Every structure is written in structure tokens, then in C-alpha cells.
Amino acid sequence: MRLFDPHVHMSSRTTDDYEAMRAAGVRALVEPAFWVGQPRTGPGSFTDYFDALLGWEPHRAAQFGIRHHCALALNPKEANDARCRPVLDLLPRYLAKDGVVAVGEIGFDGLTDAEEEAFRVQAGLAVGFGLPVLVHTPHRDKAAGTRRSLEVVAECGVPPGLVLLDHLNELTIAMARDAGVWAGLSVYPDTKLDERRTVALLREYGTDRVLVNSAADWGRSDPLKTAKVAFAMLAAGFSEDDVDAVLWRNPVEFYGQSGRLDLDGPDGGAPPDGYAGNTIRRGG
């Protein structure tokens, strides 16, 4: 079983997580830029963060046989902080880099005017660079936020096939279906969806243009949720081909539209023995 986690924040995870993900079948992932919990005080913090998502994390993942790609953006929450707004001016030079397969996470947190302005700027950059967009739907006022997100991407000229509307649930997935965009289902231990609800949505809405992710972050989350959904699908009567479609072929198709998805090369293997006393080999 091969798995592709299309939304997981590995900068918040340990190498033990990489090892466990590899053992569970994860062979590729996308890490979107997000709010890291501690407010950042200026654009310099973002350049270091973006550089890590383009350099250190792919290096770390590769040592466990996992392909790492990223999506870059000024996230919705920090779009409200004037100190972080210059990040929008930095993004074009990062969006041109190999390994960046989407613009994201963009969207809404509190449905503010500042969030919508940043949303529109970054949706425009996605159109200009020909990249898919990963849209974060808010945890509060989800229905209103999902509806407005669809309006904004349409007004900005982003083709529906290049839009992934994430963190959907039973109240919002039909909106994504009706709009022709990709539907993202995030699976968590306590919040968002669980395996049972995810399988029920797949049974009702089908497996076309659906991506399932762990979205694992700093809080209580589980980077093995993609594997757990795979087993839950099989137990519910889905075929192995259905599992491969949802958890491999769909994310490959969506992010492959960037022209930058790289799944070739050595398959990796056991974690390294270390180098010069370190548990992970340092980059050159």
C-alpha cells in the first residue's frame, strides 16, 4: 500500500514520525506553510521558515524514504498582522522554486477584510505561476467561510480544477462538489473528521477529486491517519483500487498540475546510522 499525505506539517513532527509514516506506507507528502503557534514578528521569520520547507525538511524526509514537497503562502491567521504583510512581496521569488507544488495555505481564519485581501493577492499569484491553490476553510463559521472562499477563487480566475478546498465536513463538502473543486478531508483524533465520518463521506460523495490528509501539526494530531483511513475504507468494503485512488492517485493528479511533483529517484530505506554523532545527516 502506497500513501501520499497531501497536507501534513512535518516541521512540527519528530523523526520518529517520519519512520512510522514510512513503515505505514507513506511515500510522499506535501507540507503547506501555516501558523506555527507563536506569532512571527516580521518577514525574516518567514524567509527562514520557507527555506526550511525547501531545504531541511526534504532532506530530513528523504532519509526515511519519503518524498517531501511544499506549498508556500502567508497563512490566513497571520494575514491580519501588519508586520507580516511584506511576506506577500517575498512570495514570487519562492513560488518560482522547484519543490513548491502549490500556493497555500490561503483562505480565511476569521473572515476579515485583511484575510480576504491576502487571499486575493495570493490567488492571483497562483494564476500567474500556474500553480494549484490549497484553501484553508475556517474552523469557525465554516459554511460562510467555505462559501466565500469559493466566490473569491472564482473572482480571481483560478480554474476549479486547480483549487483544493480543505478541512471540509458534512456541512460543506457538497459546496465543493457543486463548484467542481477538489475536496480535502482532514482526519484528527479529536477535532475535524475521524475515520468513520471520512469513510461515510467517501461512500456518499465518491472518490473522485477527494484528498484525505492528516494535517498533523503542533497540537494533538496523528500523522498516521492516512493509513488508518485506508484500513477503514477496506473494512467498509472499498476496494484496494479505491484506496489507491484516494490516497495516492488523487494527490498525484492534483499536485502534478504544478509540473514540479518529483516522485522519481531512489526509494530510500532504513534510517541512517548518523553522522559525526548526529542522528540525522547534516546537509552540505
C-alpha atoms as a PDB file:
ATOM      1  CA  MET A   1       0.000   0.000   0.000  1.00  0.00           C
ATOM      2  CA  ARG A   2       1.437   3.365  -1.061  1.00  0.00           C
ATOM      3  CA  LEU A   3       0.188   6.531   0.585  1.00  0.00           C
ATOM      4  CA  PHE A   4       0.528  10.240  -0.212  1.00  0.00           C
ATOM      5  CA  ASP A   5      -0.358  12.657   2.606  1.00  0.00           C
ATOM      6  CA  PRO A   6      -1.374  15.844   0.755  1.00  0.00           C
ATOM      7  CA  HIS A   7      -1.371  18.097   3.830  1.00  0.00           C
ATOM      8  CA  VAL A   8       0.878  17.442   6.816  1.00  0.00           C
ATOM      9  CA  HIS A   9       3.022  19.871   8.835  1.00  0.00           C
ATOM     10  CA  MET A  10       6.208  17.853   9.297  1.00  0.00           C
ATOM     11  CA  SER A  11       8.170  20.770  10.751  1.00  0.00           C
ATOM     12  CA  SER A  12       6.136  20.095  13.900  1.00  0.00           C
ATOM     13  CA  ARG A  13       6.881  16.352  13.893  1.00  0.00           C
ATOM     14  CA  THR A  14       9.823  14.227  15.004  1.00  0.00           C
ATOM     15  CA  THR A  15      11.977  11.827  13.029  1.00  0.00           C
ATOM     16  CA  ASP A  16      10.086   9.032  14.822  1.00  0.00           C
ATOM     17  CA  ASP A  17       7.011  10.226  12.932  1.00  0.00           C
ATOM     18  CA  TYR A  18       8.851  10.014   9.612  1.00  0.00           C
ATOM     19  CA  GLU A  19       9.953   6.485  10.465  1.00  0.00           C
ATOM     20  CA  ALA A  20       6.432   5.429  11.469  1.00  0.00           C
ATOM     21  CA  MET A  21       4.917   7.019   8.366  1.00  0.00           C
ATOM     22  CA  ARG A  22       7.368   5.173   6.142  1.00  0.00           C
ATOM     23  CA  ALA A  23       6.505   1.874   7.844  1.00  0.00           C
ATOM     24  CA  ALA A  24       2.785   2.598   7.353  1.00  0.00           C
ATOM     25  CA  GLY A  25       3.216   3.112   3.604  1.00  0.00           C
ATOM     26  CA  VAL A  26       3.628   6.883   3.251  1.00  0.00           C
ATOM     27  CA  ARG A  27       5.949   7.542   0.325  1.00  0.00           C
ATOM     28  CA  ALA A  28       5.187  11.193  -0.482  1.00  0.00           C
ATOM     29  CA  LEU A  29       3.703  14.266   1.176  1.00  0.00           C
ATOM     30  CA  VAL A  30       3.033  17.970   0.795  1.00  0.00           C
ATOM     31  CA  GLU A  31       3.754  20.344   3.671  1.00  0.00           C
ATOM     32  CA  PRO A  32       1.846  23.639   3.415  1.00  0.00           C
ATOM     33  CA  ALA A  33       3.060  26.770   5.158  1.00  0.00           C
ATOM     34  CA  PHE A  34       0.966  27.505   8.254  1.00  0.00           C
ATOM     35  CA  TRP A  35       0.740  29.408  11.524  1.00  0.00           C
ATOM     36  CA  VAL A  36       3.305  27.918  13.884  1.00  0.00           C
ATOM     37  CA  GLY A  37       1.580  28.942  17.116  1.00  0.00           C
ATOM     38  CA  GLN A  38       3.971  31.690  18.198  1.00  0.00           C
ATOM     39  CA  PRO A  39       3.250  34.990  16.425  1.00  0.00           C
ATOM     40  CA  ARG A  40       6.022  35.861  13.968  1.00  0.00           C
ATOM     41  CA  THR A  41       7.283  39.403  14.176  1.00  0.00           C
ATOM     42  CA  GLY A  42       8.322  40.099  10.593  1.00  0.00           C
ATOM     43  CA  PRO A  43       9.032  38.736   7.130  1.00  0.00           C
ATOM     44  CA  GLY A  44      12.511  37.497   8.088  1.00  0.00           C
ATOM     45  CA  SER A  45      10.922  34.741  10.158  1.00  0.00           C
ATOM     46  CA  PHE A  46       9.060  33.595   7.062  1.00  0.00           C
ATOM     47  CA  THR A  47      12.137  33.507   4.834  1.00  0.00           C
ATOM     48  CA  ASP A  48      13.865  31.186   7.290  1.00  0.00           C
ATOM     49  CA  TYR A  49      10.706  29.064   7.519  1.00  0.00           C
ATOM     50  CA  PHE A  50      10.249  28.880   3.745  1.00  0.00           C
ATOM     51  CA  ASP A  51      13.931  27.997   3.297  1.00  0.00           C
ATOM     52  CA  ALA A  52      13.500  25.142   5.790  1.00  0.00           C
ATOM     53  CA  LEU A  53      10.471  23.814   3.906  1.00  0.00           C
ATOM     54  CA  LEU A  54      12.506  23.858   0.694  1.00  0.00           C
ATOM     55  CA  GLY A  55      15.762  22.524   2.114  1.00  0.00           C
ATOM     56  CA  TRP A  56      15.894  20.922   5.516  1.00  0.00           C
ATOM     57  CA  GLU A  57      12.549  19.094   5.537  1.00  0.00           C
ATOM     58  CA  PRO A  58      13.022  17.442   2.109  1.00  0.00           C
ATOM     59  CA  HIS A  59      16.498  16.382   3.282  1.00  0.00           C
ATOM     60  CA  ARG A  60      15.098  15.003   6.541  1.00  0.00           C
ATOM     61  CA  ALA A  61      12.226  13.195   4.805  1.00  0.00           C
ATOM     62  CA  ALA A  62      14.493  11.666   2.161  1.00  0.00           C
ATOM     63  CA  GLN A  63      16.500   9.881   4.832  1.00  0.00           C
ATOM     64  CA  PHE A  64      13.329   7.942   5.639  1.00  0.00           C
ATOM     65  CA  GLY A  65      12.425   7.228   2.022  1.00  0.00           C
ATOM     66  CA  ILE A  66       9.678   9.871   1.777  1.00  0.00           C
ATOM     67  CA  ARG A  67       9.330  12.483  -0.974  1.00  0.00           C
ATOM     68  CA  HIS A  68       8.704  15.924   0.526  1.00  0.00           C
ATOM     69  CA  HIS A  69       7.113  18.818  -1.370  1.00  0.00           C
ATOM     70  CA  CYS A  70       5.687  22.070  -0.056  1.00  0.00           C
ATOM     71  CA  ALA A  71       3.080  24.750  -0.603  1.00  0.00           C
ATOM     72  CA  LEU A  72       4.033  28.311   0.363  1.00  0.00           C
ATOM     73  CA  ALA A  73       1.909  31.285   1.417  1.00  0.00           C
ATOM     74  CA  LEU A  74       1.145  33.864   4.070  1.00  0.00           C
ATOM     75  CA  ASN A  75      -1.383  31.926   6.134  1.00  0.00           C
ATOM     76  CA  PRO A  76      -4.839  33.412   6.877  1.00  0.00           C
ATOM     77  CA  LYS A  77      -4.306  33.975  10.601  1.00  0.00           C
ATOM     78  CA  GLU A  78      -1.094  35.971  10.172  1.00  0.00           C
ATOM     79  CA  ALA A  79      -2.550  37.899   7.246  1.00  0.00           C
ATOM     80  CA  ASN A  80      -4.205  40.006   9.975  1.00  0.00           C
ATOM     81  CA  ASP A  81      -0.805  41.063  11.372  1.00  0.00           C
ATOM     82  CA  ALA A  82       0.567  44.147   9.586  1.00  0.00           C
ATOM     83  CA  ARG A  83       4.126  43.099  10.489  1.00  0.00           C
ATOM     84  CA  CYS A  84       3.743  40.029   8.276  1.00  0.00           C
ATOM     85  CA  ARG A  85       2.197  41.698   5.231  1.00  0.00           C
ATOM     86  CA  PRO A  86       5.559  42.211   3.433  1.00  0.00           C
ATOM     87  CA  VAL A  87       5.655  38.417   3.047  1.00  0.00           C
ATOM     88  CA  LEU A  88       3.324  38.917   0.085  1.00  0.00           C
ATOM     89  CA  ASP A  89       6.143  40.767  -1.674  1.00  0.00           C
ATOM     90  CA  LEU A  90       8.601  37.940  -0.954  1.00  0.00           C
ATOM     91  CA  LEU A  91       6.419  35.145  -2.268  1.00  0.00           C
ATOM     92  CA  PRO A  92       7.070  35.486  -6.024  1.00  0.00           C
ATOM     93  CA  ARG A  93      10.736  34.515  -5.733  1.00  0.00           C
ATOM     94  CA  TYR A  94       9.781  31.465  -3.645  1.00  0.00           C
ATOM     95  CA  LEU A  95       6.893  30.362  -5.850  1.00  0.00           C
ATOM     96  CA  ALA A  96       9.346  30.038  -8.742  1.00  0.00           C
ATOM     97  CA  LYS A  97      11.345  27.337  -6.939  1.00  0.00           C
ATOM     98  CA  ASP A  98      11.332  23.600  -7.611  1.00  0.00           C
ATOM     99  CA  GLY A  99       9.605  21.667  -4.847  1.00  0.00           C
ATOM    100  CA  VAL A 100       6.808  24.241  -4.492  1.00  0.00           C
ATOM    101  CA  VAL A 101       3.762  22.445  -5.857  1.00  0.00           C
ATOM    102  CA  ALA A 102       1.004  24.858  -4.725  1.00  0.00           C
ATOM    103  CA  VAL A 103       0.205  28.181  -3.103  1.00  0.00           C
ATOM    104  CA  GLY A 104      -1.090  27.550   0.390  1.00  0.00           C
ATOM    105  CA  GLU A 105      -2.458  27.574   2.924  1.00  0.00           C
ATOM    106  CA  ILE A 106      -4.509  30.605   1.895  1.00  0.00           C
ATOM    107  CA  GLY A 107      -8.108  31.404   2.749  1.00  0.00           C
ATOM    108  CA  PHE A 108      -9.911  32.536   5.876  1.00  0.00           C
ATOM    109  CA  ASP A 109      -9.481  32.272   9.619  1.00  0.00           C
ATOM    110  CA  GLY A 110     -11.809  34.953  10.960  1.00  0.00           C
ATOM    111  CA  LEU A 111     -13.349  36.193   7.693  1.00  0.00           C
ATOM    112  CA  THR A 112     -11.683  39.605   7.999  1.00  0.00           C
ATOM    113  CA  ASP A 113     -11.017  42.144   5.251  1.00  0.00           C
ATOM    114  CA  ALA A 114      -7.257  41.723   5.734  1.00  0.00           C
ATOM    115  CA  GLU A 115      -7.558  37.977   5.231  1.00  0.00           C
ATOM    116  CA  GLU A 116      -9.555  38.436   2.050  1.00  0.00           C
ATOM    117  CA  GLU A 117      -7.050  40.932   0.663  1.00  0.00           C
ATOM    118  CA  ALA A 118      -4.163  38.488   1.239  1.00  0.00           C
ATOM    119  CA  PHE A 119      -6.303  35.673  -0.159  1.00  0.00           C
ATOM    120  CA  ARG A 120      -6.890  37.619  -3.389  1.00  0.00           C
ATOM    121  CA  VAL A 121      -3.250  38.608  -3.811  1.00  0.00           C
ATOM    122  CA  GLN A 122      -2.079  35.029  -3.393  1.00  0.00           C
ATOM    123  CA  ALA A 123      -4.795  33.562  -5.597  1.00  0.00           C
ATOM    124  CA  GLY A 124      -3.594  35.983  -8.260  1.00  0.00           C
ATOM    125  CA  LEU A 125      -0.017  34.772  -7.770  1.00  0.00           C
ATOM    126  CA  ALA A 126      -1.194  31.191  -8.202  1.00  0.00           C
ATOM    127  CA  VAL A 127      -2.809  32.106 -11.514  1.00  0.00           C
ATOM    128  CA  GLY A 128       0.345  33.905 -12.611  1.00  0.00           C
ATOM    129  CA  PHE A 129       2.607  30.969 -11.751  1.00  0.00           C
ATOM    130  CA  GLY A 130       0.165  28.325 -12.981  1.00  0.00           C
ATOM    131  CA  LEU A 131       0.098  26.650  -9.561  1.00  0.00           C
ATOM    132  CA  PRO A 132      -2.709  24.888  -7.701  1.00  0.00           C
ATOM    133  CA  VAL A 133      -4.074  26.566  -4.573  1.00  0.00           C
ATOM    134  CA  LEU A 134      -4.663  24.955  -1.176  1.00  0.00           C
ATOM    135  CA  VAL A 135      -7.503  26.812   0.555  1.00  0.00           C
ATOM    136  CA  HIS A 136      -7.942  26.615   4.336  1.00  0.00           C
ATOM    137  CA  THR A 137     -11.608  26.771   5.300  1.00  0.00           C
ATOM    138  CA  PRO A 138     -12.121  28.333   8.750  1.00  0.00           C
ATOM    139  CA  HIS A 139     -12.918  26.320  11.841  1.00  0.00           C
ATOM    140  CA  ARG A 140     -15.496  28.934  12.915  1.00  0.00           C
ATOM    141  CA  ASP A 141     -18.323  29.973  10.562  1.00  0.00           C
ATOM    142  CA  LYS A 142     -17.195  27.147   8.267  1.00  0.00           C
ATOM    143  CA  ALA A 143     -20.193  27.262   5.956  1.00  0.00           C
ATOM    144  CA  ALA A 144     -19.918  31.028   5.420  1.00  0.00           C
ATOM    145  CA  GLY A 145     -16.142  30.803   5.060  1.00  0.00           C
ATOM    146  CA  THR A 146     -16.373  27.958   2.556  1.00  0.00           C
ATOM    147  CA  ARG A 147     -18.973  29.801   0.505  1.00  0.00           C
ATOM    148  CA  ARG A 148     -16.891  32.999   0.446  1.00  0.00           C
ATOM    149  CA  SER A 149     -13.723  31.058  -0.397  1.00  0.00           C
ATOM    150  CA  LEU A 150     -15.376  29.646  -3.492  1.00  0.00           C
ATOM    151  CA  GLU A 151     -16.511  33.117  -4.513  1.00  0.00           C
ATOM    152  CA  VAL A 152     -13.002  34.559  -4.101  1.00  0.00           C
ATOM    153  CA  VAL A 153     -11.181  31.885  -6.124  1.00  0.00           C
ATOM    154  CA  ALA A 154     -13.775  32.213  -8.883  1.00  0.00           C
ATOM    155  CA  GLU A 155     -13.489  36.013  -8.918  1.00  0.00           C
ATOM    156  CA  CYS A 156      -9.691  35.717  -9.073  1.00  0.00           C
ATOM    157  CA  GLY A 157      -9.877  33.447 -12.099  1.00  0.00           C
ATOM    158  CA  VAL A 158      -8.490  30.269 -10.527  1.00  0.00           C
ATOM    159  CA  PRO A 159      -9.806  27.281 -12.521  1.00  0.00           C
ATOM    160  CA  PRO A 160     -11.836  24.906 -10.312  1.00  0.00           C
ATOM    161  CA  GLY A 161      -9.548  22.006 -11.136  1.00  0.00           C
ATOM    162  CA  LEU A 162      -6.634  23.891  -9.550  1.00  0.00           C
ATOM    163  CA  VAL A 163      -8.454  24.516  -6.252  1.00  0.00           C
ATOM    164  CA  LEU A 164      -8.253  22.228  -3.206  1.00  0.00           C
ATOM    165  CA  LEU A 165     -10.779  23.280  -0.563  1.00  0.00           C
ATOM    166  CA  ASP A 166      -9.529  21.732   2.656  1.00  0.00           C
ATOM    167  CA  HIS A 167     -10.888  20.860   6.114  1.00  0.00           C
ATOM    168  CA  LEU A 168     -14.342  20.144   4.714  1.00  0.00           C
ATOM    169  CA  ASN A 169     -17.047  18.292   6.621  1.00  0.00           C
ATOM    170  CA  GLU A 170     -20.621  17.072   6.259  1.00  0.00           C
ATOM    171  CA  LEU A 171     -21.904  20.670   6.080  1.00  0.00           C
ATOM    172  CA  THR A 172     -19.538  21.884   3.365  1.00  0.00           C
ATOM    173  CA  ILE A 173     -18.420  19.053   1.085  1.00  0.00           C
ATOM    174  CA  ALA A 174     -21.455  19.445  -1.168  1.00  0.00           C
ATOM    175  CA  MET A 175     -20.370  23.051  -1.868  1.00  0.00           C
ATOM    176  CA  ALA A 176     -17.047  21.783  -3.186  1.00  0.00           C
ATOM    177  CA  ARG A 177     -18.783  19.137  -5.259  1.00  0.00           C
ATOM    178  CA  ASP A 178     -21.173  21.670  -6.796  1.00  0.00           C
ATOM    179  CA  ALA A 179     -18.287  24.053  -7.614  1.00  0.00           C
ATOM    180  CA  GLY A 180     -16.177  21.354  -9.266  1.00  0.00           C
ATOM    181  CA  VAL A 181     -13.161  21.907  -6.986  1.00  0.00           C
ATOM    182  CA  TRP A 182     -11.164  19.264  -5.129  1.00  0.00           C
ATOM    183  CA  ALA A 183     -12.405  18.312  -1.653  1.00  0.00           C
ATOM    184  CA  GLY A 184      -9.941  17.957   1.219  1.00  0.00           C
ATOM    185  CA  LEU A 185     -10.859  15.844   4.258  1.00  0.00           C
ATOM    186  CA  SER A 186      -8.655  16.298   7.355  1.00  0.00           C
ATOM    187  CA  VAL A 187      -8.667  13.488   9.920  1.00  0.00           C
ATOM    188  CA  TYR A 188      -7.771  14.149  13.576  1.00  0.00           C
ATOM    189  CA  PRO A 189      -8.005  12.278  16.887  1.00  0.00           C
ATOM    190  CA  ASP A 190     -10.466  14.750  18.457  1.00  0.00           C
ATOM    191  CA  THR A 191     -11.287  17.614  16.097  1.00  0.00           C
ATOM    192  CA  LYS A 192     -12.195  17.753  12.387  1.00  0.00           C
ATOM    193  CA  LEU A 193     -13.160  14.331  10.954  1.00  0.00           C
ATOM    194  CA  ASP A 194     -12.472  10.820  12.220  1.00  0.00           C
ATOM    195  CA  GLU A 195     -12.048   7.665  10.122  1.00  0.00           C
ATOM    196  CA  ARG A 196     -15.711   6.653  10.383  1.00  0.00           C
ATOM    197  CA  ARG A 197     -17.028  10.020   9.220  1.00  0.00           C
ATOM    198  CA  THR A 198     -14.442  10.171   6.433  1.00  0.00           C
ATOM    199  CA  VAL A 199     -15.475   6.761   5.107  1.00  0.00           C
ATOM    200  CA  ALA A 200     -19.143   7.797   5.281  1.00  0.00           C
ATOM    201  CA  LEU A 201     -18.400  10.898   3.171  1.00  0.00           C
ATOM    202  CA  LEU A 202     -16.476   8.827   0.632  1.00  0.00           C
ATOM    203  CA  ARG A 203     -19.387   6.406   0.401  1.00  0.00           C
ATOM    204  CA  GLU A 204     -21.874   9.253  -0.142  1.00  0.00           C
ATOM    205  CA  TYR A 205     -19.847  11.514  -2.452  1.00  0.00           C
ATOM    206  CA  GLY A 206     -17.488   9.077  -4.158  1.00  0.00           C
ATOM    207  CA  THR A 207     -13.720   9.028  -4.540  1.00  0.00           C
ATOM    208  CA  ASP A 208     -13.314  11.446  -7.478  1.00  0.00           C
ATOM    209  CA  ARG A 209     -11.479  14.701  -6.686  1.00  0.00           C
ATOM    210  CA  VAL A 210     -11.223  13.856  -2.962  1.00  0.00           C
ATOM    211  CA  LEU A 211      -7.987  14.067  -0.951  1.00  0.00           C
ATOM    212  CA  VAL A 212      -7.622  12.695   2.585  1.00  0.00           C
ATOM    213  CA  ASN A 213      -4.937  14.144   4.842  1.00  0.00           C
ATOM    214  CA  SER A 214      -3.687  14.033   8.421  1.00  0.00           C
ATOM    215  CA  ALA A 215      -2.863  17.782   8.544  1.00  0.00           C
ATOM    216  CA  ALA A 216      -0.762  16.819  11.571  1.00  0.00           C
ATOM    217  CA  ASP A 217       0.519  19.875  13.429  1.00  0.00           C
ATOM    218  CA  TRP A 218       1.736  21.038  16.851  1.00  0.00           C
ATOM    219  CA  GLY A 219      -1.460  20.031  18.624  1.00  0.00           C
ATOM    220  CA  ARG A 220      -2.951  16.601  19.284  1.00  0.00           C
ATOM    221  CA  SER A 221      -2.838  15.040  15.850  1.00  0.00           C
ATOM    222  CA  ASP A 222      -1.740  11.851  14.146  1.00  0.00           C
ATOM    223  CA  PRO A 223       0.461  11.628  11.018  1.00  0.00           C
ATOM    224  CA  LEU A 224      -0.686   8.024  10.528  1.00  0.00           C
ATOM    225  CA  LYS A 225      -4.306   8.980   9.895  1.00  0.00           C
ATOM    226  CA  THR A 226      -3.963   8.417   6.139  1.00  0.00           C
ATOM    227  CA  ALA A 227      -3.041   4.790   6.795  1.00  0.00           C
ATOM    228  CA  LYS A 228      -5.868   4.426   9.314  1.00  0.00           C
ATOM    229  CA  VAL A 229      -8.363   5.772   6.775  1.00  0.00           C
ATOM    230  CA  ALA A 230      -7.023   3.296   4.200  1.00  0.00           C
ATOM    231  CA  PHE A 231      -7.704   0.367   6.535  1.00  0.00           C
ATOM    232  CA  ALA A 232     -11.103   1.815   7.479  1.00  0.00           C
ATOM    233  CA  MET A 233     -12.001   2.038   3.773  1.00  0.00           C
ATOM    234  CA  LEU A 234     -11.057  -1.599   3.210  1.00  0.00           C
ATOM    235  CA  ALA A 235     -13.041  -2.680   6.269  1.00  0.00           C
ATOM    236  CA  ALA A 236     -16.060  -0.786   4.920  1.00  0.00           C
ATOM    237  CA  GLY A 237     -15.941  -2.629   1.599  1.00  0.00           C
ATOM    238  CA  PHE A 238     -13.954  -0.221  -0.574  1.00  0.00           C
ATOM    239  CA  SER A 239     -11.541  -1.926  -2.963  1.00  0.00           C
ATOM    240  CA  GLU A 240      -7.760  -1.627  -2.935  1.00  0.00           C
ATOM    241  CA  ASP A 241      -8.113   0.384  -6.148  1.00  0.00           C
ATOM    242  CA  ASP A 242     -10.418   2.845  -4.342  1.00  0.00           C
ATOM    243  CA  VAL A 243      -7.818   3.247  -1.599  1.00  0.00           C
ATOM    244  CA  ASP A 244      -5.062   3.807  -4.141  1.00  0.00           C
ATOM    245  CA  ALA A 245      -7.202   6.385  -5.944  1.00  0.00           C
ATOM    246  CA  VAL A 246      -7.951   8.450  -2.824  1.00  0.00           C
ATOM    247  CA  LEU A 247      -4.616   8.107  -1.060  1.00  0.00           C
ATOM    248  CA  TRP A 248      -2.196   8.116  -3.984  1.00  0.00           C
ATOM    249  CA  ARG A 249      -3.520   8.840  -7.475  1.00  0.00           C
ATOM    250  CA  ASN A 250      -5.721  11.790  -6.492  1.00  0.00           C
ATOM    251  CA  PRO A 251      -2.965  13.805  -4.744  1.00  0.00           C
ATOM    252  CA  VAL A 252      -0.553  12.922  -7.547  1.00  0.00           C
ATOM    253  CA  GLU A 253      -3.070  14.221 -10.088  1.00  0.00           C
ATOM    254  CA  PHE A 254      -3.859  17.408  -8.164  1.00  0.00           C
ATOM    255  CA  TYR A 255      -0.320  18.474  -7.279  1.00  0.00           C
ATOM    256  CA  GLY A 256       1.058  17.086 -10.526  1.00  0.00           C
ATOM    257  CA  GLN A 257      -0.627  20.033 -12.249  1.00  0.00           C
ATOM    258  CA  SER A 258       2.237  22.169 -10.918  1.00  0.00           C
ATOM    259  CA  GLY A 259       4.687  20.331 -13.167  1.00  0.00           C
ATOM    260  CA  ARG A 260       7.017  20.064 -10.174  1.00  0.00           C
ATOM    261  CA  LEU A 261       5.956  16.867  -8.447  1.00  0.00           C
ATOM    262  CA  ASP A 262       9.027  14.633  -8.224  1.00  0.00           C
ATOM    263  CA  LEU A 263       8.333  11.027  -7.279  1.00  0.00           C
ATOM    264  CA  ASP A 264      11.350   9.537  -9.061  1.00  0.00           C
ATOM    265  CA  GLY A 265      14.722   8.501  -7.704  1.00  0.00           C
ATOM    266  CA  PRO A 266      15.883   6.080  -5.014  1.00  0.00           C
ATOM    267  CA  ASP A 267      13.173   4.652  -2.800  1.00  0.00           C
ATOM    268  CA  GLY A 268      15.063   5.305   0.409  1.00  0.00           C
ATOM    269  CA  GLY A 269      15.445   2.730   3.113  1.00  0.00           C
ATOM    270  CA  ALA A 270      16.284   2.349   6.759  1.00  0.00           C
ATOM    271  CA  PRO A 271      17.048   5.480   8.788  1.00  0.00           C
ATOM    272  CA  PRO A 272      20.726   6.397   8.705  1.00  0.00           C
ATOM    273  CA  ASP A 273      23.158   5.418  11.449  1.00  0.00           C
ATOM    274  CA  GLY A 274      24.001   9.044  11.931  1.00  0.00           C
ATOM    275  CA  TYR A 275      26.926  11.257  11.105  1.00  0.00           C
ATOM    276  CA  ALA A 276      29.512  12.752  13.450  1.00  0.00           C
ATOM    277  CA  GLY A 277      27.389  11.954  16.485  1.00  0.00           C
ATOM    278  CA  ASN A 278      24.118  13.265  14.998  1.00  0.00           C
ATOM    279  CA  THR A 279      21.064  11.106  14.477  1.00  0.00           C
ATOM    280  CA  ILE A 280      20.320  12.768  11.116  1.00  0.00           C
ATOM    281  CA  ARG A 281      22.940  13.506   8.478  1.00  0.00           C
ATOM    282  CA  ARG A 282      23.559  17.201   8.095  1.00  0.00           C
ATOM    283  CA  GLY A 283      23.128  18.832   4.713  1.00  0.00           C
ATOM    284  CA  GLY A 284      26.088  20.011   2.719  1.00  0.00           C
END
